[in-house]
Amino acid sequence: MWLSVLKYLAWVGQLGLSLVLPPVLSLWAAAWVRTHFELGGWVFVVALAAGLLTSARSLSRFLRMVQKEAEQEHERRK
């Protein structure tokens, strides 16, 4: 019982990090690139798009993993 609760808490924490970190890190990298190479503001748009796409991919993978886990749990209970 407790292991299951801890597993789900770890999943939620991992999902949160997987959704938040890519856009934040990509915007940080865009700021660094912009200051060091004197590029325009378009760098932020590209970085934000890349970060959001990465977050969407992480969410998609997470949802597939949860679906597989639910199917396996359903099969075990039969």
PDB file of N, CA and C in Angstrom:
ATOM      1  N   MET A   1       0.828  -1.197   0.000  1.00  0.00           N
ATOM      2  CA  MET A   1       0.000   0.000   0.000  1.00  0.00           C
ATOM      3  C   MET A   1       0.873   1.263   0.000  1.00  0.00           C
ATOM      4  N   TRP A   2       1.808   1.348   0.971  1.00  0.00           N
ATOM      5  CA  TRP A   2       2.640   2.542   1.064  1.00  0.00           C
ATOM      6  C   TRP A   2       3.591   2.676  -0.117  1.00  0.00           C
ATOM      7  N   LEU A   3       4.060   1.565  -0.613  1.00  0.00           N
ATOM      8  CA  LEU A   3       4.939   1.633  -1.781  1.00  0.00           C
ATOM      9  C   LEU A   3       4.198   2.184  -2.984  1.00  0.00           C
ATOM     10  N   SER A   4       2.947   1.820  -3.120  1.00  0.00           N
ATOM     11  CA  SER A   4       2.139   2.324  -4.220  1.00  0.00           C
ATOM     12  C   SER A   4       1.939   3.831  -4.098  1.00  0.00           C
ATOM     13  N   VAL A   5       1.663   4.299  -2.898  1.00  0.00           N
ATOM     14  CA  VAL A   5       1.484   5.735  -2.669  1.00  0.00           C
ATOM     15  C   VAL A   5       2.775   6.484  -2.980  1.00  0.00           C
ATOM     16  N   LEU A   6       3.886   5.963  -2.514  1.00  0.00           N
ATOM     17  CA  LEU A   6       5.173   6.614  -2.777  1.00  0.00           C
ATOM     18  C   LEU A   6       5.507   6.618  -4.263  1.00  0.00           C
ATOM     19  N   LYS A   7       5.144   5.542  -4.955  1.00  0.00           N
ATOM     20  CA  LYS A   7       5.391   5.472  -6.397  1.00  0.00           C
ATOM     21  C   LYS A   7       4.606   6.566  -7.119  1.00  0.00           C
ATOM     22  N   TYR A   8       3.345   6.739  -6.755  1.00  0.00           N
ATOM     23  CA  TYR A   8       2.533   7.755  -7.415  1.00  0.00           C
ATOM     24  C   TYR A   8       2.998   9.169  -7.074  1.00  0.00           C
ATOM     25  N   LEU A   9       3.448   9.374  -5.849  1.00  0.00           N
ATOM     26  CA  LEU A   9       4.004  10.681  -5.492  1.00  0.00           C
ATOM     27  C   LEU A   9       5.267  10.982  -6.299  1.00  0.00           C
ATOM     28  N   ALA A  10       6.098   9.987  -6.487  1.00  0.00           N
ATOM     29  CA  ALA A  10       7.303  10.166  -7.304  1.00  0.00           C
ATOM     30  C   ALA A  10       6.926  10.487  -8.744  1.00  0.00           C
ATOM     31  N   TRP A  11       5.895   9.831  -9.248  1.00  0.00           N
ATOM     32  CA  TRP A  11       5.453  10.109 -10.621  1.00  0.00           C
ATOM     33  C   TRP A  11       4.990  11.551 -10.763  1.00  0.00           C
ATOM     34  N   VAL A  12       4.215  12.026  -9.793  1.00  0.00           N
ATOM     35  CA  VAL A  12       3.719  13.406  -9.854  1.00  0.00           C
ATOM     36  C   VAL A  12       4.883  14.395  -9.803  1.00  0.00           C
ATOM     37  N   GLY A  13       5.842  14.134  -8.940  1.00  0.00           N
ATOM     38  CA  GLY A  13       7.012  15.007  -8.873  1.00  0.00           C
ATOM     39  C   GLY A  13       7.802  15.008 -10.171  1.00  0.00           C
ATOM     40  N   GLN A  14       7.983  13.837 -10.731  1.00  0.00           N
ATOM     41  CA  GLN A  14       8.713  13.737 -11.991  1.00  0.00           C
ATOM     42  C   GLN A  14       7.955  14.434 -13.118  1.00  0.00           C
ATOM     43  N   LEU A  15       6.638  14.289 -13.135  1.00  0.00           N
ATOM     44  CA  LEU A  15       5.841  14.951 -14.164  1.00  0.00           C
ATOM     45  C   LEU A  15       5.966  16.456 -14.049  1.00  0.00           C
ATOM     46  N   GLY A  16       5.902  16.956 -12.827  1.00  0.00           N
ATOM     47  CA  GLY A  16       6.045  18.404 -12.632  1.00  0.00           C
ATOM     48  C   GLY A  16       7.374  18.921 -13.140  1.00  0.00           C
ATOM     49  N   LEU A  17       8.438  18.223 -12.807  1.00  0.00           N
ATOM     50  CA  LEU A  17       9.757  18.640 -13.291  1.00  0.00           C
ATOM     51  C   LEU A  17       9.855  18.527 -14.804  1.00  0.00           C
ATOM     52  N   SER A  18       9.273  17.480 -15.361  1.00  0.00           N
ATOM     53  CA  SER A  18       9.335  17.270 -16.810  1.00  0.00           C
ATOM     54  C   SER A  18       8.551  18.321 -17.574  1.00  0.00           C
ATOM     55  N   LEU A  19       7.553  18.910 -16.940  1.00  0.00           N
ATOM     56  CA  LEU A  19       6.759  19.932 -17.617  1.00  0.00           C
ATOM     57  C   LEU A  19       7.324  21.338 -17.431  1.00  0.00           C
ATOM     58  N   VAL A  20       7.939  21.594 -16.297  1.00  0.00           N
ATOM     59  CA  VAL A  20       8.397  22.949 -15.988  1.00  0.00           C
ATOM     60  C   VAL A  20       9.820  23.221 -16.465  1.00  0.00           C
ATOM     61  N   LEU A  21      10.709  22.266 -16.285  1.00  0.00           N
ATOM     62  CA  LEU A  21      12.124  22.525 -16.571  1.00  0.00           C
ATOM     63  C   LEU A  21      12.456  22.797 -18.038  1.00  0.00           C
ATOM     64  N   PRO A  22      11.898  22.079 -19.009  1.00  0.00           N
ATOM     65  CA  PRO A  22      12.302  22.375 -20.395  1.00  0.00           C
ATOM     66  C   PRO A  22      12.054  23.819 -20.848  1.00  0.00           C
ATOM     67  N   PRO A  23      10.864  24.399 -20.607  1.00  0.00           N
ATOM     68  CA  PRO A  23      10.711  25.805 -21.015  1.00  0.00           C
ATOM     69  C   PRO A  23      11.617  26.757 -20.236  1.00  0.00           C
ATOM     70  N   VAL A  24      11.779  26.513 -18.948  1.00  0.00           N
ATOM     71  CA  VAL A  24      12.619  27.397 -18.131  1.00  0.00           C
ATOM     72  C   VAL A  24      14.072  27.326 -18.591  1.00  0.00           C
ATOM     73  N   LEU A  25      14.576  26.122 -18.771  1.00  0.00           N
ATOM     74  CA  LEU A  25      15.969  25.981 -19.203  1.00  0.00           C
ATOM     75  C   LEU A  25      16.193  26.506 -20.615  1.00  0.00           C
ATOM     76  N   SER A  26      15.213  26.309 -21.482  1.00  0.00           N
ATOM     77  CA  SER A  26      15.383  26.811 -22.850  1.00  0.00           C
ATOM     78  C   SER A  26      15.356  28.338 -22.881  1.00  0.00           C
ATOM     79  N   LEU A  27      14.526  28.955 -22.052  1.00  0.00           N
ATOM     80  CA  LEU A  27      14.519  30.425 -21.991  1.00  0.00           C
ATOM     81  C   LEU A  27      15.810  30.956 -21.376  1.00  0.00           C
ATOM     82  N   TRP A  28      16.330  30.247 -20.384  1.00  0.00           N
ATOM     83  CA  TRP A  28      17.607  30.642 -19.806  1.00  0.00           C
ATOM     84  C   TRP A  28      18.715  30.548 -20.855  1.00  0.00           C
ATOM     85  N   ALA A  29      18.709  29.464 -21.613  1.00  0.00           N
ATOM     86  CA  ALA A  29      19.713  29.296 -22.667  1.00  0.00           C
ATOM     87  C   ALA A  29      19.549  30.369 -23.740  1.00  0.00           C
ATOM     88  N   ALA A  30      18.304  30.725 -24.056  1.00  0.00           N
ATOM     89  CA  ALA A  30      18.065  31.771 -25.053  1.00  0.00           C
ATOM     90  C   ALA A  30      18.604  33.114 -24.570  1.00  0.00           C
ATOM     91  N   ALA A  31      18.436  33.398 -23.292  1.00  0.00           N
ATOM     92  CA  ALA A  31      18.971  34.653 -22.748  1.00  0.00           C
ATOM     93  C   ALA A  31      20.490  34.676 -22.845  1.00  0.00           C
ATOM     94  N   TRP A  32      21.116  33.548 -22.548  1.00  0.00           N
ATOM     95  CA  TRP A  32      22.566  33.478 -22.644  1.00  0.00           C
ATOM     96  C   TRP A  32      23.029  33.654 -24.095  1.00  0.00           C
ATOM     97  N   VAL A  33      22.362  32.950 -25.002  1.00  0.00           N
ATOM     98  CA  VAL A  33      22.733  33.042 -26.421  1.00  0.00           C
ATOM     99  C   VAL A  33      22.527  34.465 -26.929  1.00  0.00           C
ATOM    100  N   ARG A  34      21.424  35.093 -26.516  1.00  0.00           N
ATOM    101  CA  ARG A  34      21.136  36.449 -26.989  1.00  0.00           C
ATOM    102  C   ARG A  34      22.201  37.442 -26.520  1.00  0.00           C
ATOM    103  N   THR A  35      22.626  37.324 -25.270  1.00  0.00           N
ATOM    104  CA  THR A  35      23.619  38.280 -24.772  1.00  0.00           C
ATOM    105  C   THR A  35      25.013  38.025 -25.343  1.00  0.00           C
ATOM    106  N   HIS A  36      25.365  36.778 -25.547  1.00  0.00           N
ATOM    107  CA  HIS A  36      26.713  36.477 -26.027  1.00  0.00           C
ATOM    108  C   HIS A  36      26.879  36.634 -27.534  1.00  0.00           C
ATOM    109  N   PHE A  37      25.806  36.473 -28.283  1.00  0.00           N
ATOM    110  CA  PHE A  37      25.902  36.574 -29.739  1.00  0.00           C
ATOM    111  C   PHE A  37      25.121  37.754 -30.312  1.00  0.00           C
ATOM    112  N   GLU A  38      24.565  38.584 -29.408  1.00  0.00           N
ATOM    113  CA  GLU A  38      23.842  39.800 -29.791  1.00  0.00           C
ATOM    114  C   GLU A  38      22.759  39.529 -30.824  1.00  0.00           C
ATOM    115  N   LEU A  39      21.925  38.541 -30.548  1.00  0.00           N
ATOM    116  CA  LEU A  39      20.816  38.200 -31.427  1.00  0.00           C
ATOM    117  C   LEU A  39      19.554  38.932 -30.976  1.00  0.00           C
ATOM    118  N   GLY A  40      18.537  38.905 -31.812  1.00  0.00           N
ATOM    119  CA  GLY A  40      17.286  39.581 -31.507  1.00  0.00           C
ATOM    120  C   GLY A  40      16.405  38.787 -30.556  1.00  0.00           C
ATOM    121  N   GLY A  41      15.231  39.347 -30.327  1.00  0.00           N
ATOM    122  CA  GLY A  41      14.281  38.723 -29.421  1.00  0.00           C
ATOM    123  C   GLY A  41      13.631  37.464 -29.966  1.00  0.00           C
ATOM    124  N   TRP A  42      13.797  37.209 -31.259  1.00  0.00           N
ATOM    125  CA  TRP A  42      13.212  36.017 -31.853  1.00  0.00           C
ATOM    126  C   TRP A  42      13.777  34.741 -31.228  1.00  0.00           C
ATOM    127  N   VAL A  43      14.951  34.832 -30.616  1.00  0.00           N
ATOM    128  CA  VAL A  43      15.565  33.668 -29.987  1.00  0.00           C
ATOM    129  C   VAL A  43      14.675  33.146 -28.856  1.00  0.00           C
ATOM    130  N   PHE A  44      14.027  34.056 -28.144  1.00  0.00           N
ATOM    131  CA  PHE A  44      13.146  33.644 -27.056  1.00  0.00           C
ATOM    132  C   PHE A  44      11.924  32.893 -27.575  1.00  0.00           C
ATOM    133  N   VAL A  45      11.404  33.318 -28.699  1.00  0.00           N
ATOM    134  CA  VAL A  45      10.232  32.649 -29.285  1.00  0.00           C
ATOM    135  C   VAL A  45      10.594  31.219 -29.688  1.00  0.00           C
ATOM    136  N   VAL A  46      11.731  31.073 -30.333  1.00  0.00           N
ATOM    137  CA  VAL A  46      12.176  29.738 -30.748  1.00  0.00           C
ATOM    138  C   VAL A  46      12.442  28.854 -29.524  1.00  0.00           C
ATOM    139  N   ALA A  47      13.091  29.419 -28.518  1.00  0.00           N
ATOM    140  CA  ALA A  47      13.404  28.651 -27.318  1.00  0.00           C
ATOM    141  C   ALA A  47      12.136  28.245 -26.569  1.00  0.00           C
ATOM    142  N   LEU A  48      11.177  29.153 -26.472  1.00  0.00           N
ATOM    143  CA  LEU A  48       9.929  28.829 -25.794  1.00  0.00           C
ATOM    144  C   LEU A  48       9.167  27.740 -26.540  1.00  0.00           C
ATOM    145  N   ALA A  49       9.138  27.835 -27.860  1.00  0.00           N
ATOM    146  CA  ALA A  49       8.470  26.799 -28.654  1.00  0.00           C
ATOM    147  C   ALA A  49       9.144  25.441 -28.451  1.00  0.00           C
ATOM    148  N   ALA A  50      10.461  25.426 -28.466  1.00  0.00           N
ATOM    149  CA  ALA A  50      11.190  24.169 -28.260  1.00  0.00           C
ATOM    150  C   ALA A  50      10.933  23.615 -26.859  1.00  0.00           C
ATOM    151  N   GLY A  51      10.922  24.469 -25.853  1.00  0.00           N
ATOM    152  CA  GLY A  51      10.672  24.032 -24.487  1.00  0.00           C
ATOM    153  C   GLY A  51       9.265  23.490 -24.307  1.00  0.00           C
ATOM    154  N   LEU A  52       8.281  24.156 -24.917  1.00  0.00           N
ATOM    155  CA  LEU A  52       6.898  23.685 -24.800  1.00  0.00           C
ATOM    156  C   LEU A  52       6.688  22.378 -25.552  1.00  0.00           C
ATOM    157  N   LEU A  53       7.322  22.231 -26.691  1.00  0.00           N
ATOM    158  CA  LEU A  53       7.223  20.961 -27.426  1.00  0.00           C
ATOM    159  C   LEU A  53       7.853  19.819 -26.629  1.00  0.00           C
ATOM    160  N   THR A  54       8.957  20.104 -25.983  1.00  0.00           N
ATOM    161  CA  THR A  54       9.597  19.089 -25.154  1.00  0.00           C
ATOM    162  C   THR A  54       8.705  18.711 -23.972  1.00  0.00           C
ATOM    163  N   SER A  55       8.059  19.694 -23.368  1.00  0.00           N
ATOM    164  CA  SER A  55       7.135  19.414 -22.271  1.00  0.00           C
ATOM    165  C   SER A  55       5.942  18.597 -22.743  1.00  0.00           C
ATOM    166  N   ALA A  56       5.422  18.921 -23.915  1.00  0.00           N
ATOM    167  CA  ALA A  56       4.292  18.167 -24.462  1.00  0.00           C
ATOM    168  C   ALA A  56       4.692  16.723 -24.736  1.00  0.00           C
ATOM    169  N   ARG A  57       5.882  16.516 -25.228  1.00  0.00           N
ATOM    170  CA  ARG A  57       6.372  15.156 -25.473  1.00  0.00           C
ATOM    171  C   ARG A  57       6.511  14.382 -24.163  1.00  0.00           C
ATOM    172  N   SER A  58       6.994  15.043 -23.134  1.00  0.00           N
ATOM    173  CA  SER A  58       7.114  14.396 -21.820  1.00  0.00           C
ATOM    174  C   SER A  58       5.743  14.032 -21.269  1.00  0.00           C
ATOM    175  N   LEU A  59       4.778  14.917 -21.427  1.00  0.00           N
ATOM    176  CA  LEU A  59       3.420  14.633 -20.970  1.00  0.00           C
ATOM    177  C   LEU A  59       2.829  13.454 -21.727  1.00  0.00           C
ATOM    178  N   SER A  60       3.055  13.411 -23.016  1.00  0.00           N
ATOM    179  CA  SER A  60       2.556  12.306 -23.831  1.00  0.00           C
ATOM    180  C   SER A  60       3.143  10.975 -23.376  1.00  0.00           C
ATOM    181  N   ARG A  61       4.438  10.941 -23.150  1.00  0.00           N
ATOM    182  CA  ARG A  61       5.091   9.712 -22.675  1.00  0.00           C
ATOM    183  C   ARG A  61       4.592   9.308 -21.295  1.00  0.00           C
ATOM    184  N   PHE A  62       4.395  10.293 -20.426  1.00  0.00           N
ATOM    185  CA  PHE A  62       3.896  10.004 -19.090  1.00  0.00           C
ATOM    186  C   PHE A  62       2.502   9.401 -19.144  1.00  0.00           C
ATOM    187  N   LEU A  63       1.631   9.973 -19.961  1.00  0.00           N
ATOM    188  CA  LEU A  63       0.272   9.459 -20.058  1.00  0.00           C
ATOM    189  C   LEU A  63       0.241   8.043 -20.632  1.00  0.00           C
ATOM    190  N   ARG A  64       1.109   7.761 -21.590  1.00  0.00           N
ATOM    191  CA  ARG A  64       1.194   6.395 -22.116  1.00  0.00           C
ATOM    192  C   ARG A  64       1.671   5.416 -21.046  1.00  0.00           C
ATOM    193  N   MET A  65       2.637   5.842 -20.243  1.00  0.00           N
ATOM    194  CA  MET A  65       3.145   4.986 -19.184  1.00  0.00           C
ATOM    195  C   MET A  65       2.055   4.706 -18.144  1.00  0.00           C
ATOM    196  N   VAL A  66       1.291   5.728 -17.777  1.00  0.00           N
ATOM    197  CA  VAL A  66       0.217   5.554 -16.810  1.00  0.00           C
ATOM    198  C   VAL A  66      -0.859   4.630 -17.370  1.00  0.00           C
ATOM    199  N   GLN A  67      -1.162   4.775 -18.648  1.00  0.00           N
ATOM    200  CA  GLN A  67      -2.159   3.908 -19.269  1.00  0.00           C
ATOM    201  C   GLN A  67      -1.691   2.447 -19.256  1.00  0.00           C
ATOM    202  N   LYS A  68      -0.436   2.200 -19.594  1.00  0.00           N
ATOM    203  CA  LYS A  68       0.090   0.834 -19.558  1.00  0.00           C
ATOM    204  C   LYS A  68       0.056   0.274 -18.142  1.00  0.00           C
ATOM    205  N   GLU A  69       0.416   1.105 -17.172  1.00  0.00           N
ATOM    206  CA  GLU A  69       0.399   0.670 -15.773  1.00  0.00           C
ATOM    207  C   GLU A  69      -1.025   0.317 -15.336  1.00  0.00           C
ATOM    208  N   ALA A  70      -1.997   1.111 -15.743  1.00  0.00           N
ATOM    209  CA  ALA A  70      -3.388   0.830 -15.393  1.00  0.00           C
ATOM    210  C   ALA A  70      -3.872  -0.462 -16.052  1.00  0.00           C
ATOM    211  N   GLU A  71      -3.469  -0.693 -17.288  1.00  0.00           N
ATOM    212  CA  GLU A  71      -3.852  -1.932 -17.967  1.00  0.00           C
ATOM    213  C   GLU A  71      -3.229  -3.146 -17.290  1.00  0.00           C
ATOM    214  N   GLN A  72      -1.983  -3.032 -16.887  1.00  0.00           N
ATOM    215  CA  GLN A  72      -1.320  -4.137 -16.196  1.00  0.00           C
ATOM    216  C   GLN A  72      -1.969  -4.398 -14.841  1.00  0.00           C
ATOM    217  N   GLU A  73      -2.332  -3.344 -14.141  1.00  0.00           N
ATOM    218  CA  GLU A  73      -3.000  -3.501 -12.855  1.00  0.00           C
ATOM    219  C   GLU A  73      -4.365  -4.155 -13.027  1.00  0.00           C
ATOM    220  N   HIS A  74      -5.053  -3.786 -14.085  1.00  0.00           N
ATOM    221  CA  HIS A  74      -6.356  -4.392 -14.368  1.00  0.00           C
ATOM    222  C   HIS A  74      -6.206  -5.881 -14.669  1.00  0.00           C
ATOM    223  N   GLU A  75      -5.171  -6.239 -15.408  1.00  0.00           N
ATOM    224  CA  GLU A  75      -4.918  -7.650 -15.740  1.00  0.00           C
ATOM    225  C   GLU A  75      -4.547  -8.449 -14.487  1.00  0.00           C
ATOM    226  N   ARG A  76      -3.798  -7.848 -13.568  1.00  0.00           N
ATOM    227  CA  ARG A  76      -3.411  -8.535 -12.334  1.00  0.00           C
ATOM    228  C   ARG A  76      -4.617  -8.817 -11.441  1.00  0.00           C
ATOM    229  N   ARG A  77      -5.607  -7.934 -11.465  1.00  0.00           N
ATOM    230  CA  ARG A  77      -6.773  -8.095 -10.602  1.00  0.00           C
ATOM    231  C   ARG A  77      -7.766  -9.123 -11.133  1.00  0.00           C
ATOM    232  N   LYS A  78      -7.639  -9.515 -12.376  1.00  0.00           N
ATOM    233  CA  LYS A  78      -8.578 -10.504 -12.937  1.00  0.00           C
ATOM    234  C   LYS A  78      -8.368 -11.859 -12.357  1.00  0.00           C
TER     235      LYS A  78
END
